[in-house]
């Protein structure tokens, strides 16, 4: 293969392609974050903006209509905090365990 040619997805080595779609739920991807969102439910208006803008879909709705971050998948990017219209999400340093 010429260096200037890019391989198609079928030509990539097996290790570079996830063999089964939908397996990301089995892998916790939020372990490298340094900041995490904390939601003040007293200020939350349940608008779902955090859920809508989260690039990792790391927010889950509870039985009361609040959207809570799932820290197993949250990468701490802070987009939810910036987009929140009621400013009820604060980014804080992740506690070390």
N, C-alpha and C. Protein backbone atom coordinates (compact mmCIF):
# COMPACT_ATOMS: atom_id res chain seq x y z
N UNK A 1 0.85 -1.19 0.00
CA UNK A 1 0.00 0.00 0.00
C UNK A 1 0.89 1.24 0.00
N UNK A 2 0.55 2.18 -0.80
CA UNK A 2 1.25 3.45 -0.88
C UNK A 2 0.95 4.27 0.38
N UNK A 3 1.94 4.97 0.92
CA UNK A 3 1.77 5.76 2.14
C UNK A 3 0.71 6.84 1.95
N UNK A 4 0.57 7.37 0.76
CA UNK A 4 -0.40 8.42 0.50
C UNK A 4 -1.83 7.89 0.45
N UNK A 5 -1.99 6.59 0.26
CA UNK A 5 -3.32 6.00 0.22
C UNK A 5 -3.80 5.70 1.64
N UNK A 6 -5.04 6.00 1.91
CA UNK A 6 -5.61 5.70 3.22
C UNK A 6 -6.37 4.38 3.11
N UNK A 7 -6.22 3.50 4.11
CA UNK A 7 -6.94 2.24 4.06
C UNK A 7 -8.45 2.46 4.29
N UNK A 8 -9.24 1.60 3.75
CA UNK A 8 -10.68 1.64 4.04
C UNK A 8 -10.89 1.00 5.39
N UNK A 9 -12.06 1.13 5.97
CA UNK A 9 -12.32 0.55 7.28
C UNK A 9 -12.21 -0.97 7.25
N UNK A 10 -12.46 -1.57 6.11
CA UNK A 10 -12.35 -3.03 5.99
C UNK A 10 -10.89 -3.49 6.01
N UNK A 11 -9.97 -2.60 5.68
CA UNK A 11 -8.56 -2.95 5.65
C UNK A 11 -7.84 -2.70 6.99
N UNK A 12 -8.52 -2.09 7.95
CA UNK A 12 -7.91 -1.82 9.24
C UNK A 12 -7.70 -3.12 10.01
N UNK A 13 -6.67 -3.19 10.83
CA UNK A 13 -6.46 -4.40 11.63
C UNK A 13 -7.63 -4.60 12.59
N UNK A 14 -7.91 -5.83 12.94
CA UNK A 14 -9.05 -6.15 13.79
C UNK A 14 -9.00 -5.40 15.12
N UNK A 15 -7.83 -5.19 15.66
CA UNK A 15 -7.70 -4.51 16.95
C UNK A 15 -8.18 -3.06 16.88
N UNK A 16 -8.24 -2.47 15.72
CA UNK A 16 -8.66 -1.08 15.57
C UNK A 16 -10.16 -0.94 15.41
N UNK A 17 -10.87 -2.03 15.25
CA UNK A 17 -12.31 -1.99 15.04
C UNK A 17 -12.98 -2.80 16.14
N UNK A 18 -13.99 -2.20 16.79
CA UNK A 18 -14.74 -2.94 17.80
C UNK A 18 -15.62 -3.95 17.07
N UNK A 19 -15.46 -5.23 17.37
CA UNK A 19 -16.17 -6.25 16.62
C UNK A 19 -17.69 -6.23 16.78
N UNK A 20 -18.19 -5.84 17.94
CA UNK A 20 -19.63 -5.85 18.15
C UNK A 20 -20.11 -4.44 18.47
N UNK A 21 -21.04 -3.92 17.72
CA UNK A 21 -21.56 -2.58 18.03
C UNK A 21 -22.33 -2.60 19.35
N UNK A 22 -22.35 -1.47 20.02
CA UNK A 22 -23.11 -1.36 21.26
C UNK A 22 -22.38 -1.88 22.48
N UNK A 23 -21.07 -2.09 22.39
CA UNK A 23 -20.34 -2.63 23.53
C UNK A 23 -19.77 -1.54 24.43
N UNK A 24 -19.96 -0.27 24.10
CA UNK A 24 -19.37 0.80 24.91
C UNK A 24 -19.94 0.81 26.33
N UNK A 25 -21.13 0.30 26.54
CA UNK A 25 -21.70 0.26 27.88
C UNK A 25 -20.88 -0.61 28.82
N UNK A 26 -20.12 -1.53 28.28
CA UNK A 26 -19.31 -2.43 29.10
C UNK A 26 -18.00 -1.79 29.53
N UNK A 27 -17.65 -0.62 28.99
CA UNK A 27 -16.37 0.01 29.29
C UNK A 27 -16.59 1.35 29.97
N UNK A 28 -16.09 1.47 31.20
CA UNK A 28 -16.18 2.74 31.93
C UNK A 28 -15.17 3.70 31.32
N UNK A 29 -15.64 4.80 30.79
CA UNK A 29 -14.76 5.71 30.06
C UNK A 29 -14.49 7.01 30.81
N UNK A 30 -15.02 7.17 32.00
CA UNK A 30 -14.86 8.42 32.73
C UNK A 30 -13.75 8.41 33.76
N UNK A 31 -12.90 7.40 33.74
CA UNK A 31 -11.87 7.27 34.78
C UNK A 31 -10.76 8.30 34.72
N UNK A 32 -10.58 8.98 33.61
CA UNK A 32 -9.46 9.90 33.49
C UNK A 32 -9.80 11.36 33.79
N UNK A 33 -11.05 11.64 34.14
CA UNK A 33 -11.44 13.03 34.36
C UNK A 33 -10.81 13.59 35.64
N UNK A 34 -10.61 14.91 35.68
CA UNK A 34 -10.12 15.58 36.87
C UNK A 34 -11.20 16.46 37.49
N UNK A 35 -12.21 16.83 36.70
CA UNK A 35 -13.34 17.60 37.19
C UNK A 35 -14.61 16.80 36.97
N UNK A 36 -15.58 17.04 37.85
CA UNK A 36 -16.87 16.37 37.66
C UNK A 36 -18.00 17.34 37.95
N UNK A 37 -19.13 17.17 37.25
CA UNK A 37 -20.27 18.06 37.47
C UNK A 37 -21.04 17.67 38.73
N UNK A 38 -21.43 18.68 39.49
CA UNK A 38 -22.28 18.47 40.66
C UNK A 38 -23.52 19.32 40.45
N UNK A 39 -24.69 18.69 40.52
CA UNK A 39 -25.96 19.37 40.24
C UNK A 39 -26.62 19.81 41.54
N UNK A 40 -26.96 21.10 41.63
CA UNK A 40 -27.73 21.63 42.76
C UNK A 40 -29.20 21.46 42.41
N UNK A 41 -29.82 20.45 42.97
CA UNK A 41 -31.22 20.15 42.61
C UNK A 41 -32.20 21.23 43.05
N UNK A 42 -31.83 22.05 44.02
CA UNK A 42 -32.71 23.15 44.44
C UNK A 42 -32.80 24.22 43.36
N UNK A 43 -31.75 24.35 42.57
CA UNK A 43 -31.72 25.35 41.49
C UNK A 43 -32.10 24.77 40.14
N UNK A 44 -32.12 23.45 40.03
CA UNK A 44 -32.39 22.77 38.76
C UNK A 44 -33.85 22.97 38.32
N UNK A 45 -34.05 23.29 37.06
CA UNK A 45 -35.40 23.48 36.52
C UNK A 45 -35.85 22.29 35.66
N UNK A 46 -35.06 21.21 35.67
CA UNK A 46 -35.39 19.97 34.97
C UNK A 46 -35.60 20.18 33.47
N UNK A 47 -34.77 21.01 32.87
CA UNK A 47 -34.94 21.35 31.46
C UNK A 47 -34.27 20.36 30.50
N UNK A 48 -33.39 19.51 31.02
CA UNK A 48 -32.68 18.50 30.23
C UNK A 48 -31.62 19.08 29.30
N UNK A 49 -31.22 20.33 29.51
CA UNK A 49 -30.18 20.91 28.69
C UNK A 49 -28.86 20.16 28.89
N UNK A 50 -28.56 19.77 30.13
CA UNK A 50 -27.34 19.02 30.41
C UNK A 50 -27.33 17.70 29.64
N UNK A 51 -28.45 17.04 29.65
CA UNK A 51 -28.60 15.77 28.93
C UNK A 51 -28.44 15.98 27.42
N UNK A 52 -29.04 17.04 26.92
CA UNK A 52 -29.02 17.32 25.48
C UNK A 52 -27.62 17.65 24.97
N UNK A 53 -26.86 18.43 25.73
CA UNK A 53 -25.55 18.87 25.26
C UNK A 53 -24.40 17.95 25.63
N UNK A 54 -24.61 17.00 26.52
CA UNK A 54 -23.53 16.11 26.95
C UNK A 54 -23.06 15.25 25.77
N UNK A 55 -21.79 15.40 25.36
CA UNK A 55 -21.30 14.63 24.21
C UNK A 55 -21.14 13.14 24.50
N UNK A 56 -21.17 12.77 25.76
CA UNK A 56 -21.01 11.35 26.14
C UNK A 56 -22.32 10.70 26.54
N UNK A 57 -23.42 11.44 26.49
CA UNK A 57 -24.72 10.94 26.96
C UNK A 57 -24.58 10.36 28.37
N UNK A 58 -23.87 11.10 29.22
CA UNK A 58 -23.57 10.63 30.57
C UNK A 58 -24.58 11.10 31.62
N UNK A 59 -25.68 11.66 31.18
CA UNK A 59 -26.73 12.07 32.12
C UNK A 59 -27.89 11.10 32.04
N UNK A 60 -28.44 10.79 33.21
CA UNK A 60 -29.58 9.87 33.30
C UNK A 60 -30.69 10.54 34.09
N UNK A 61 -31.92 10.41 33.60
CA UNK A 61 -33.07 10.99 34.29
C UNK A 61 -33.51 10.06 35.42
N UNK A 62 -33.77 10.65 36.60
CA UNK A 62 -34.27 9.83 37.71
C UNK A 62 -35.80 9.88 37.76
N UNK A 63 -36.36 9.22 38.74
CA UNK A 63 -37.83 9.12 38.83
C UNK A 63 -38.50 10.45 39.16
N UNK A 64 -37.72 11.46 39.56
CA UNK A 64 -38.28 12.77 39.90
C UNK A 64 -38.09 13.80 38.79
N UNK A 65 -37.51 13.38 37.68
CA UNK A 65 -37.31 14.27 36.54
C UNK A 65 -36.00 15.03 36.54
N UNK A 66 -35.14 14.75 37.52
CA UNK A 66 -33.81 15.38 37.54
C UNK A 66 -32.86 14.57 36.67
N UNK A 67 -31.88 15.25 36.13
CA UNK A 67 -30.86 14.59 35.31
C UNK A 67 -29.57 14.56 36.11
N UNK A 68 -29.08 13.36 36.36
CA UNK A 68 -27.90 13.15 37.17
C UNK A 68 -26.75 12.64 36.32
N UNK A 69 -25.53 13.14 36.57
CA UNK A 69 -24.40 12.64 35.80
C UNK A 69 -24.04 11.22 36.21
N UNK A 70 -23.71 10.42 35.23
CA UNK A 70 -23.21 9.07 35.47
C UNK A 70 -21.69 9.18 35.39
N UNK A 71 -21.04 9.17 36.54
CA UNK A 71 -19.61 9.41 36.61
C UNK A 71 -18.77 8.29 35.98
N UNK A 72 -19.37 7.16 35.72
CA UNK A 72 -18.65 6.08 35.03
C UNK A 72 -18.34 6.46 33.59
N UNK A 73 -19.14 7.36 33.01
CA UNK A 73 -18.98 7.72 31.60
C UNK A 73 -18.67 9.21 31.39
N UNK A 74 -18.92 10.05 32.39
CA UNK A 74 -18.63 11.48 32.29
C UNK A 74 -17.13 11.68 32.19
N UNK A 75 -16.72 12.53 31.23
CA UNK A 75 -15.29 12.80 31.05
C UNK A 75 -14.89 14.16 31.63
N UNK A 76 -15.83 14.85 32.27
CA UNK A 76 -15.51 16.10 32.94
C UNK A 76 -15.24 17.28 32.03
N UNK A 77 -15.84 17.28 30.85
CA UNK A 77 -15.57 18.35 29.88
C UNK A 77 -16.16 19.69 30.29
N UNK A 78 -17.24 19.70 31.08
CA UNK A 78 -17.84 20.93 31.55
C UNK A 78 -18.85 21.58 30.63
N UNK A 79 -19.16 20.95 29.52
CA UNK A 79 -20.14 21.52 28.59
C UNK A 79 -21.50 21.68 29.28
N UNK A 80 -21.88 20.72 30.09
CA UNK A 80 -23.16 20.79 30.79
C UNK A 80 -23.23 22.02 31.69
N UNK A 81 -22.13 22.32 32.36
CA UNK A 81 -22.07 23.47 33.25
C UNK A 81 -22.19 24.79 32.49
N UNK A 82 -21.55 24.86 31.34
CA UNK A 82 -21.59 26.07 30.51
C UNK A 82 -22.98 26.29 29.92
N UNK A 83 -23.63 25.23 29.49
CA UNK A 83 -24.92 25.33 28.81
C UNK A 83 -26.13 25.43 29.74
N UNK A 84 -25.97 25.08 31.00
CA UNK A 84 -27.10 25.06 31.94
C UNK A 84 -27.70 26.45 32.11
N UNK A 85 -28.99 26.64 31.75
CA UNK A 85 -29.60 27.97 31.85
C UNK A 85 -29.82 28.44 33.29
N UNK A 86 -29.96 27.52 34.23
CA UNK A 86 -30.15 27.92 35.62
C UNK A 86 -28.85 27.93 36.42
N UNK A 87 -27.75 27.61 35.74
CA UNK A 87 -26.42 27.60 36.36
C UNK A 87 -26.38 26.75 37.63
N UNK A 88 -27.05 25.63 37.59
CA UNK A 88 -27.10 24.76 38.77
C UNK A 88 -26.02 23.67 38.75
N UNK A 89 -25.19 23.65 37.72
CA UNK A 89 -24.13 22.64 37.62
C UNK A 89 -22.78 23.31 37.81
N UNK A 90 -22.07 22.85 38.80
CA UNK A 90 -20.73 23.35 39.08
C UNK A 90 -19.72 22.24 38.82
N UNK A 91 -18.61 22.59 38.21
CA UNK A 91 -17.54 21.63 37.99
C UNK A 91 -16.60 21.70 39.19
N UNK A 92 -16.41 20.57 39.84
CA UNK A 92 -15.54 20.51 41.02
C UNK A 92 -14.47 19.44 40.79
N UNK A 93 -13.39 19.56 41.53
CA UNK A 93 -12.33 18.56 41.42
C UNK A 93 -12.87 17.21 41.87
N UNK A 94 -12.52 16.19 41.10
CA UNK A 94 -12.95 14.85 41.43
C UNK A 94 -12.23 14.40 42.69
N UNK A 95 -12.95 13.83 43.62
CA UNK A 95 -12.35 13.33 44.86
C UNK A 95 -11.51 12.10 44.56
N UNK A 96 -10.33 12.06 45.13
CA UNK A 96 -9.50 10.88 44.92
C UNK A 96 -9.94 9.76 45.85
N UNK A 97 -9.88 8.55 45.34
CA UNK A 97 -10.33 7.41 46.13
C UNK A 97 -9.18 6.62 46.66
